[in-house]
Full PDB file with SEQRES, HELIX, SHEET, SSBOND, CRYST1, ORIGX, SCALE, CONECT and MASTER records, all heavy atoms in Angstrom:
SEQRES   1 A   34  GLY GLY SER GLY LEU ALA LEU ASN ALA ASP VAL LEU ALA          
SEQRES   2 A   34  ALA ASP ALA ASP ARG ASP PRO GLU GLY PHE GLN ARG ALA          
SEQRES   3 A   34  CYS LEU VAL LEU GLY GLY THR ARG                              
HELIX    1 AA1 ALA A    9  ARG A   18  1                                  10    
HELIX    2 AA2 PRO A   20  VAL A   29  1                                  10    
CRYST1    1.000    1.000    1.000  90.00  90.00  90.00 P 1           1          
ORIGX1      1.000000  0.000000  0.000000        0.00000                         
ORIGX2      0.000000  1.000000  0.000000        0.00000                         
ORIGX3      0.000000  0.000000  1.000000        0.00000                         
SCALE1      1.000000  0.000000  0.000000        0.00000                         
SCALE2      0.000000  1.000000  0.000000        0.00000                         
SCALE3      0.000000  0.000000  1.000000        0.00000                         
ATOM      1  N   GLY A   1     -60.977  80.213 119.696  1.00  0.00           N  
ATOM      2  CA  GLY A   1     -61.452  79.317 118.678  1.00  0.00           C  
ATOM      3  C   GLY A   1     -61.845  80.149 117.417  1.00  0.00           C  
ATOM      4  O   GLY A   1     -62.091  81.349 117.598  1.00  0.00           O  
ATOM      5  N   GLY A   2     -62.128  79.483 116.385  1.00  0.00           N  
ATOM      6  CA  GLY A   2     -62.569  80.175 115.086  1.00  0.00           C  
ATOM      7  C   GLY A   2     -61.975  79.502 113.923  1.00  0.00           C  
ATOM      8  O   GLY A   2     -60.939  78.881 113.982  1.00  0.00           O  
ATOM      9  N   SER A   3     -62.693  79.702 112.764  1.00  0.00           N  
ATOM     10  CA  SER A   3     -62.427  78.982 111.607  1.00  0.00           C  
ATOM     11  C   SER A   3     -61.859  79.926 110.465  1.00  0.00           C  
ATOM     12  O   SER A   3     -61.362  79.495 109.490  1.00  0.00           O  
ATOM     13  CB  SER A   3     -63.465  78.147 111.105  1.00  0.00           C  
ATOM     14  OG  SER A   3     -64.556  79.024 110.731  1.00  0.00           O  
ATOM     15  N   GLY A   4     -62.022  81.227 110.659  1.00  0.00           N  
ATOM     16  CA  GLY A   4     -61.762  82.168 109.569  1.00  0.00           C  
ATOM     17  C   GLY A   4     -62.974  82.418 108.712  1.00  0.00           C  
ATOM     18  O   GLY A   4     -62.908  83.226 107.818  1.00  0.00           O  
ATOM     19  N   LEU A   5     -64.128  81.722 108.938  1.00  0.00           N  
ATOM     20  CA  LEU A   5     -65.375  82.027 108.296  1.00  0.00           C  
ATOM     21  C   LEU A   5     -65.994  83.172 109.020  1.00  0.00           C  
ATOM     22  O   LEU A   5     -66.577  82.948 110.068  1.00  0.00           O  
ATOM     23  CB  LEU A   5     -66.305  80.754 108.215  1.00  0.00           C  
ATOM     24  CG  LEU A   5     -65.755  79.599 107.489  1.00  0.00           C  
ATOM     25  CD1 LEU A   5     -66.738  78.357 107.553  1.00  0.00           C  
ATOM     26  CD2 LEU A   5     -65.435  79.855 106.029  1.00  0.00           C  
ATOM     27  N   ALA A   6     -66.001  84.372 108.564  1.00  0.00           N  
ATOM     28  CA  ALA A   6     -66.480  85.454 109.267  1.00  0.00           C  
ATOM     29  C   ALA A   6     -67.694  86.069 108.800  1.00  0.00           C  
ATOM     30  O   ALA A   6     -68.011  86.033 107.557  1.00  0.00           O  
ATOM     31  CB  ALA A   6     -65.348  86.602 109.256  1.00  0.00           C  
ATOM     32  N   LEU A   7     -68.532  86.471 109.724  1.00  0.00           N  
ATOM     33  CA  LEU A   7     -69.860  87.183 109.476  1.00  0.00           C  
ATOM     34  C   LEU A   7     -70.629  86.502 108.365  1.00  0.00           C  
ATOM     35  O   LEU A   7     -71.046  85.339 108.551  1.00  0.00           O  
ATOM     36  CB  LEU A   7     -69.408  88.631 108.941  1.00  0.00           C  
ATOM     37  CG  LEU A   7     -68.569  89.404 109.991  1.00  0.00           C  
ATOM     38  CD1 LEU A   7     -68.012  90.660 109.379  1.00  0.00           C  
ATOM     39  CD2 LEU A   7     -69.421  89.655 111.279  1.00  0.00           C  
ATOM     40  N   ASN A   8     -70.936  87.135 107.222  1.00  0.00           N  
ATOM     41  CA  ASN A   8     -71.774  86.563 106.124  1.00  0.00           C  
ATOM     42  C   ASN A   8     -71.022  85.875 105.124  1.00  0.00           C  
ATOM     43  O   ASN A   8     -71.463  85.844 103.950  1.00  0.00           O  
ATOM     44  CB  ASN A   8     -72.697  87.583 105.596  1.00  0.00           C  
ATOM     45  CG  ASN A   8     -71.915  88.773 105.041  1.00  0.00           C  
ATOM     46  OD1 ASN A   8     -70.716  88.949 105.265  1.00  0.00           O  
ATOM     47  ND2 ASN A   8     -72.635  89.634 104.292  1.00  0.00           N  
ATOM     48  N   ALA A   9     -69.920  85.241 105.401  1.00  0.00           N  
ATOM     49  CA  ALA A   9     -69.119  84.559 104.335  1.00  0.00           C  
ATOM     50  C   ALA A   9     -69.876  83.402 103.757  1.00  0.00           C  
ATOM     51  O   ALA A   9     -69.776  83.166 102.568  1.00  0.00           O  
ATOM     52  CB  ALA A   9     -67.722  84.082 104.962  1.00  0.00           C  
ATOM     53  N   ASP A  10     -70.703  82.766 104.545  1.00  0.00           N  
ATOM     54  CA  ASP A  10     -71.453  81.654 104.029  1.00  0.00           C  
ATOM     55  C   ASP A  10     -72.482  82.133 102.952  1.00  0.00           C  
ATOM     56  O   ASP A  10     -72.796  81.461 101.944  1.00  0.00           O  
ATOM     57  CB  ASP A  10     -72.183  80.875 105.115  1.00  0.00           C  
ATOM     58  CG  ASP A  10     -71.234  80.062 105.968  1.00  0.00           C  
ATOM     59  OD1 ASP A  10     -70.153  79.824 105.541  1.00  0.00           O  
ATOM     60  OD2 ASP A  10     -71.589  79.777 107.122  1.00  0.00           O  
ATOM     61  N   VAL A  11     -73.031  83.304 103.263  1.00  0.00           N  
ATOM     62  CA  VAL A  11     -73.977  83.938 102.191  1.00  0.00           C  
ATOM     63  C   VAL A  11     -73.247  84.232 101.006  1.00  0.00           C  
ATOM     64  O   VAL A  11     -73.719  84.030  99.822  1.00  0.00           O  
ATOM     65  CB  VAL A  11     -74.672  85.212 102.940  1.00  0.00           C  
ATOM     66  CG1 VAL A  11     -75.593  85.815 101.836  1.00  0.00           C  
ATOM     67  CG2 VAL A  11     -75.468  84.742 104.070  1.00  0.00           C  
ATOM     68  N   LEU A  12     -72.058  84.868 101.138  1.00  0.00           N  
ATOM     69  CA  LEU A  12     -71.294  85.200  99.936  1.00  0.00           C  
ATOM     70  C   LEU A  12     -70.880  84.000  99.132  1.00  0.00           C  
ATOM     71  O   LEU A  12     -70.842  83.923  97.928  1.00  0.00           O  
ATOM     72  CB  LEU A  12     -70.025  86.032 100.320  1.00  0.00           C  
ATOM     73  CG  LEU A  12     -69.151  86.468  99.145  1.00  0.00           C  
ATOM     74  CD1 LEU A  12     -69.907  87.475  98.263  1.00  0.00           C  
ATOM     75  CD2 LEU A  12     -67.832  87.082  99.640  1.00  0.00           C  
ATOM     76  N   ALA A  13     -70.600  82.846  99.892  1.00  0.00           N  
ATOM     77  CA  ALA A  13     -70.293  81.606  99.269  1.00  0.00           C  
ATOM     78  C   ALA A  13     -71.379  81.138  98.347  1.00  0.00           C  
ATOM     79  O   ALA A  13     -71.164  80.730  97.241  1.00  0.00           O  
ATOM     80  CB  ALA A  13     -69.822  80.599 100.204  1.00  0.00           C  
ATOM     81  N   ALA A  14     -72.572  81.240  98.864  1.00  0.00           N  
ATOM     82  CA  ALA A  14     -73.763  80.864  98.123  1.00  0.00           C  
ATOM     83  C   ALA A  14     -74.013  81.756  96.846  1.00  0.00           C  
ATOM     84  O   ALA A  14     -74.304  81.250  95.887  1.00  0.00           O  
ATOM     85  CB  ALA A  14     -75.016  80.872  99.115  1.00  0.00           C  
ATOM     86  N   ASP A  15     -73.735  82.949  97.077  1.00  0.00           N  
ATOM     87  CA  ASP A  15     -73.832  83.939  95.940  1.00  0.00           C  
ATOM     88  C   ASP A  15     -72.794  83.578  94.843  1.00  0.00           C  
ATOM     89  O   ASP A  15     -73.124  83.529  93.693  1.00  0.00           O  
ATOM     90  CB  ASP A  15     -73.644  85.321  96.382  1.00  0.00           C  
ATOM     91  CG  ASP A  15     -74.725  85.902  97.223  1.00  0.00           C  
ATOM     92  OD1 ASP A  15     -75.811  85.255  97.271  1.00  0.00           O  
ATOM     93  OD2 ASP A  15     -74.539  86.938  97.961  1.00  0.00           O  
ATOM     94  N   ALA A  16     -71.521  83.306  95.341  1.00  0.00           N  
ATOM     95  CA  ALA A  16     -70.514  82.985  94.291  1.00  0.00           C  
ATOM     96  C   ALA A  16     -70.749  81.645  93.619  1.00  0.00           C  
ATOM     97  O   ALA A  16     -70.328  81.463  92.476  1.00  0.00           O  
ATOM     98  CB  ALA A  16     -69.206  82.839  95.144  1.00  0.00           C  
ATOM     99  N   ASP A  17     -71.344  80.715  94.360  1.00  0.00           N  
ATOM    100  CA  ASP A  17     -71.745  79.431  93.764  1.00  0.00           C  
ATOM    101  C   ASP A  17     -72.756  79.576  92.643  1.00  0.00           C  
ATOM    102  O   ASP A  17     -72.718  78.909  91.603  1.00  0.00           O  
ATOM    103  CB  ASP A  17     -72.375  78.558  94.875  1.00  0.00           C  
ATOM    104  CG  ASP A  17     -72.246  77.028  94.524  1.00  0.00           C  
ATOM    105  OD1 ASP A  17     -71.204  76.582  93.947  1.00  0.00           O  
ATOM    106  OD2 ASP A  17     -73.223  76.268  94.800  1.00  0.00           O  
ATOM    107  N   ARG A  18     -73.705  80.501  92.863  1.00  0.00           N  
ATOM    108  CA  ARG A  18     -74.715  80.763  91.731  1.00  0.00           C  
ATOM    109  C   ARG A  18     -74.135  81.612  90.678  1.00  0.00           C  
ATOM    110  O   ARG A  18     -74.591  81.518  89.513  1.00  0.00           O  
ATOM    111  CB  ARG A  18     -75.870  81.568  92.395  1.00  0.00           C  
ATOM    112  CG  ARG A  18     -76.723  80.642  93.318  1.00  0.00           C  
ATOM    113  CD  ARG A  18     -78.113  81.427  93.726  1.00  0.00           C  
ATOM    114  NE  ARG A  18     -77.725  82.555  94.383  1.00  0.00           N  
ATOM    115  CZ  ARG A  18     -77.688  82.524  95.765  1.00  0.00           C  
ATOM    116  NH1 ARG A  18     -77.947  81.488  96.471  1.00  0.00           N  
ATOM    117  NH2 ARG A  18     -77.484  83.737  96.419  1.00  0.00           N  
ATOM    118  N   ASP A  19     -73.233  82.552  91.024  1.00  0.00           N  
ATOM    119  CA  ASP A  19     -72.683  83.472  89.999  1.00  0.00           C  
ATOM    120  C   ASP A  19     -71.184  83.568  90.096  1.00  0.00           C  
ATOM    121  O   ASP A  19     -70.714  84.658  90.548  1.00  0.00           O  
ATOM    122  CB  ASP A  19     -73.355  84.883  90.272  1.00  0.00           C  
ATOM    123  CG  ASP A  19     -72.930  85.888  89.241  1.00  0.00           C  
ATOM    124  OD1 ASP A  19     -72.322  85.498  88.038  1.00  0.00           O  
ATOM    125  OD2 ASP A  19     -73.231  87.051  89.431  1.00  0.00           O  
ATOM    126  N   PRO A  20     -70.359  82.550  89.671  1.00  0.00           N  
ATOM    127  CA  PRO A  20     -68.925  82.643  89.861  1.00  0.00           C  
ATOM    128  C   PRO A  20     -68.319  83.797  89.032  1.00  0.00           C  
ATOM    129  O   PRO A  20     -67.352  84.350  89.420  1.00  0.00           O  
ATOM    130  CB  PRO A  20     -68.482  81.244  89.441  1.00  0.00           C  
ATOM    131  CG  PRO A  20     -69.572  80.705  88.606  1.00  0.00           C  
ATOM    132  CD  PRO A  20     -70.875  81.271  89.144  1.00  0.00           C  
ATOM    133  N   GLU A  21     -68.948  84.031  87.825  1.00  0.00           N  
ATOM    134  CA  GLU A  21     -68.353  85.109  87.124  1.00  0.00           C  
ATOM    135  C   GLU A  21     -68.532  86.489  87.787  1.00  0.00           C  
ATOM    136  O   GLU A  21     -67.665  87.307  87.732  1.00  0.00           O  
ATOM    137  CB  GLU A  21     -68.972  85.189  85.681  1.00  0.00           C  
ATOM    138  CG  GLU A  21     -68.610  83.979  84.788  1.00  0.00           C  
ATOM    139  CD  GLU A  21     -69.170  84.113  83.424  1.00  0.00           C  
ATOM    140  OE1 GLU A  21     -69.919  85.088  83.121  1.00  0.00           O  
ATOM    141  OE2 GLU A  21     -68.950  83.161  82.616  1.00  0.00           O  
ATOM    142  N   GLY A  22     -69.644  86.707  88.400  1.00  0.00           N  
ATOM    143  CA  GLY A  22     -69.930  87.959  89.153  1.00  0.00           C  
ATOM    144  C   GLY A  22     -69.007  88.026  90.310  1.00  0.00           C  
ATOM    145  O   GLY A  22     -68.491  89.125  90.646  1.00  0.00           O  
ATOM    146  N   PHE A  23     -68.715  86.886  90.994  1.00  0.00           N  
ATOM    147  CA  PHE A  23     -67.765  86.922  92.121  1.00  0.00           C  
ATOM    148  C   PHE A  23     -66.417  87.241  91.705  1.00  0.00           C  
ATOM    149  O   PHE A  23     -65.682  88.183  92.230  1.00  0.00           O  
ATOM    150  CB  PHE A  23     -67.806  85.565  92.833  1.00  0.00           C  
ATOM    151  CG  PHE A  23     -66.646  85.372  93.772  1.00  0.00           C  
ATOM    152  CD1 PHE A  23     -66.682  86.092  94.980  1.00  0.00           C  
ATOM    153  CD2 PHE A  23     -65.667  84.423  93.572  1.00  0.00           C  
ATOM    154  CE1 PHE A  23     -65.672  85.965  95.908  1.00  0.00           C  
ATOM    155  CE2 PHE A  23     -64.631  84.321  94.587  1.00  0.00           C  
ATOM    156  CZ  PHE A  23     -64.624  84.979  95.705  1.00  0.00           C  
ATOM    157  N   GLN A  24     -65.966  86.652  90.565  1.00  0.00           N  
ATOM    158  CA  GLN A  24     -64.588  87.037  90.123  1.00  0.00           C  
ATOM    159  C   GLN A  24     -64.464  88.436  89.670  1.00  0.00           C  
ATOM    160  O   GLN A  24     -63.514  89.158  89.900  1.00  0.00           O  
ATOM    161  CB  GLN A  24     -64.325  86.100  88.862  1.00  0.00           C  
ATOM    162  CG  GLN A  24     -64.175  84.572  89.288  1.00  0.00           C  
ATOM    163  CD  GLN A  24     -63.759  83.738  88.070  1.00  0.00           C  
ATOM    164  OE1 GLN A  24     -62.693  83.763  87.515  1.00  0.00           O  
ATOM    165  NE2 GLN A  24     -64.771  83.026  87.562  1.00  0.00           N  
ATOM    166  N   ARG A  25     -65.534  88.926  89.002  1.00  0.00           N  
ATOM    167  CA  ARG A  25     -65.610  90.342  88.490  1.00  0.00           C  
ATOM    168  C   ARG A  25     -65.445  91.311  89.731  1.00  0.00           C  
ATOM    169  O   ARG A  25     -64.742  92.224  89.740  1.00  0.00           O  
ATOM    170  CB  ARG A  25     -66.778  90.654  87.704  1.00  0.00           C  
ATOM    171  CG  ARG A  25     -66.942  91.972  87.085  1.00  0.00           C  
ATOM    172  CD  ARG A  25     -68.083  92.152  86.233  1.00  0.00           C  
ATOM    173  NE  ARG A  25     -69.370  91.893  86.950  1.00  0.00           N  
ATOM    174  CZ  ARG A  25     -70.161  90.805  86.759  1.00  0.00           C  
ATOM    175  NH1 ARG A  25     -69.769  89.877  85.877  1.00  0.00           N  
ATOM    176  NH2 ARG A  25     -71.234  90.648  87.367  1.00  0.00           N  
ATOM    177  N   ALA A  26     -66.264  90.984  90.788  1.00  0.00           N  
ATOM    178  CA  ALA A  26     -66.258  91.831  91.996  1.00  0.00           C  
ATOM    179  C   ALA A  26     -64.852  91.844  92.614  1.00  0.00           C  
ATOM    180  O   ALA A  26     -64.336  92.928  93.076  1.00  0.00           O  
ATOM    181  CB  ALA A  26     -67.281  91.321  92.966  1.00  0.00           C  
ATOM    182  N   CYS A  27     -64.232  90.633  92.687  1.00  0.00           N  
ATOM    183  CA  CYS A  27     -62.926  90.600  93.302  1.00  0.00           C  
ATOM    184  C   CYS A  27     -61.906  91.455  92.533  1.00  0.00           C  
ATOM    185  O   CYS A  27     -61.021  92.216  93.097  1.00  0.00           O  
ATOM    186  CB  CYS A  27     -62.418  89.210  93.394  1.00  0.00           C  
ATOM    187  SG  CYS A  27     -63.190  88.216  94.661  1.00  0.00           S  
ATOM    188  N   LEU A  28     -61.941  91.453  91.177  1.00  0.00           N  
ATOM    189  CA  LEU A  28     -61.040  92.167  90.335  1.00  0.00           C  
ATOM    190  C   LEU A  28     -61.258  93.644  90.435  1.00  0.00           C  
ATOM    191  O   LEU A  28     -60.322  94.461  90.466  1.00  0.00           O  
ATOM    192  CB  LEU A  28     -61.213  91.764  88.864  1.00  0.00           C  
ATOM    193  CG  LEU A  28     -60.773  90.335  88.492  1.00  0.00           C  
ATOM    194  CD1 LEU A  28     -61.127  89.983  87.107  1.00  0.00           C  
ATOM    195  CD2 LEU A  28     -59.344  90.219  88.735  1.00  0.00           C  
ATOM    196  N   VAL A  29     -62.548  94.051  90.610  1.00  0.00           N  
ATOM    197  CA  VAL A  29     -62.828  95.552  90.794  1.00  0.00           C  
ATOM    198  C   VAL A  29     -62.165  96.043  92.106  1.00  0.00           C  
ATOM    199  O   VAL A  29     -61.733  97.192  92.133  1.00  0.00           O  
ATOM    200  CB  VAL A  29     -64.398  95.759  90.884  1.00  0.00           C  
ATOM    201  CG1 VAL A  29     -64.713  97.100  91.450  1.00  0.00           C  
ATOM    202  CG2 VAL A  29     -65.078  95.527  89.541  1.00  0.00           C  
ATOM    203  N   LEU A  30     -62.020  95.232  93.025  1.00  0.00           N  
ATOM    204  CA  LEU A  30     -61.380  95.614  94.365  1.00  0.00           C  
ATOM    205  C   LEU A  30     -59.958  95.399  94.365  1.00  0.00           C  
ATOM    206  O   LEU A  30     -59.352  95.409  95.491  1.00  0.00           O  
ATOM    207  CB  LEU A  30     -62.143  94.920  95.565  1.00  0.00           C  
ATOM    208  CG  LEU A  30     -63.617  95.214  95.763  1.00  0.00           C  
ATOM    209  CD1 LEU A  30     -64.058  94.558  97.017  1.00  0.00           C  
ATOM    210  CD2 LEU A  30     -63.963  96.676  95.777  1.00  0.00           C  
ATOM    211  N   GLY A  31     -59.399  95.217  93.192  1.00  0.00           N  
ATOM    212  CA  GLY A  31     -57.931  95.017  93.132  1.00  0.00           C  
ATOM    213  C   GLY A  31     -57.400  93.638  93.413  1.00  0.00           C  
ATOM    214  O   GLY A  31     -56.225  93.452  93.531  1.00  0.00           O  
ATOM    215  N   GLY A  32     -58.253  92.658  93.424  1.00  0.00           N  
ATOM    216  CA  GLY A  32     -57.890  91.280  93.625  1.00  0.00           C  
ATOM    217  C   GLY A  32     -57.144  90.710  92.490  1.00  0.00           C  
ATOM    218  O   GLY A  32     -57.322  91.114  91.257  1.00  0.00           O  
ATOM    219  N   THR A  33     -56.270  89.767  92.734  1.00  0.00           N  
ATOM    220  CA  THR A  33     -55.620  88.957  91.695  1.00  0.00           C  
ATOM    221  C   THR A  33     -55.730  87.448  91.985  1.00  0.00           C  
ATOM    222  O   THR A  33     -55.822  87.078  93.114  1.00  0.00           O  
ATOM    223  CB  THR A  33     -54.031  89.340  91.618  1.00  0.00           C  
ATOM    224  OG1 THR A  33     -53.541  89.111  92.961  1.00  0.00           O  
ATOM    225  CG2 THR A  33     -53.832  90.759  91.297  1.00  0.00           C  
ATOM    226  N   ARG A  34     -55.926  86.715  90.939  1.00  0.00           N  
ATOM    227  CA  ARG A  34     -56.093  85.307  91.097  1.00  0.00           C  
ATOM    228  C   ARG A  34     -54.954  84.576  91.827  1.00  0.00           C  
ATOM    229  O   ARG A  34     -53.736  84.964  91.594  1.00  0.00           O  
ATOM    230  CB  ARG A  34     -56.258  84.652  89.684  1.00  0.00           C  
ATOM    231  CG  ARG A  34     -57.547  84.879  89.035  1.00  0.00           C  
ATOM    232  CD  ARG A  34     -58.780  84.210  89.787  1.00  0.00           C  
ATOM    233  NE  ARG A  34     -58.645  82.847  90.061  1.00  0.00           N  
ATOM    234  CZ  ARG A  34     -59.135  81.944  89.188  1.00  0.00           C  
ATOM    235  NH1 ARG A  34     -59.717  82.318  88.094  1.00  0.00           N  
ATOM    236  NH2 ARG A  34     -58.970  80.629  89.492  1.00  0.00           N  
TER     237      ARG A  34                                                      
MASTER        0    0    0    2    0    0    0    6  236    1    0    3          
END                                                                             
């Protein structure tokens, strides 16, 4: 069983909800693409 929500993903979701620009910037720093 499992949903793919791993470890502190819920905490990161709350952080991204408060700061979506910071979340996007962090993903881009790590080589992410939209």
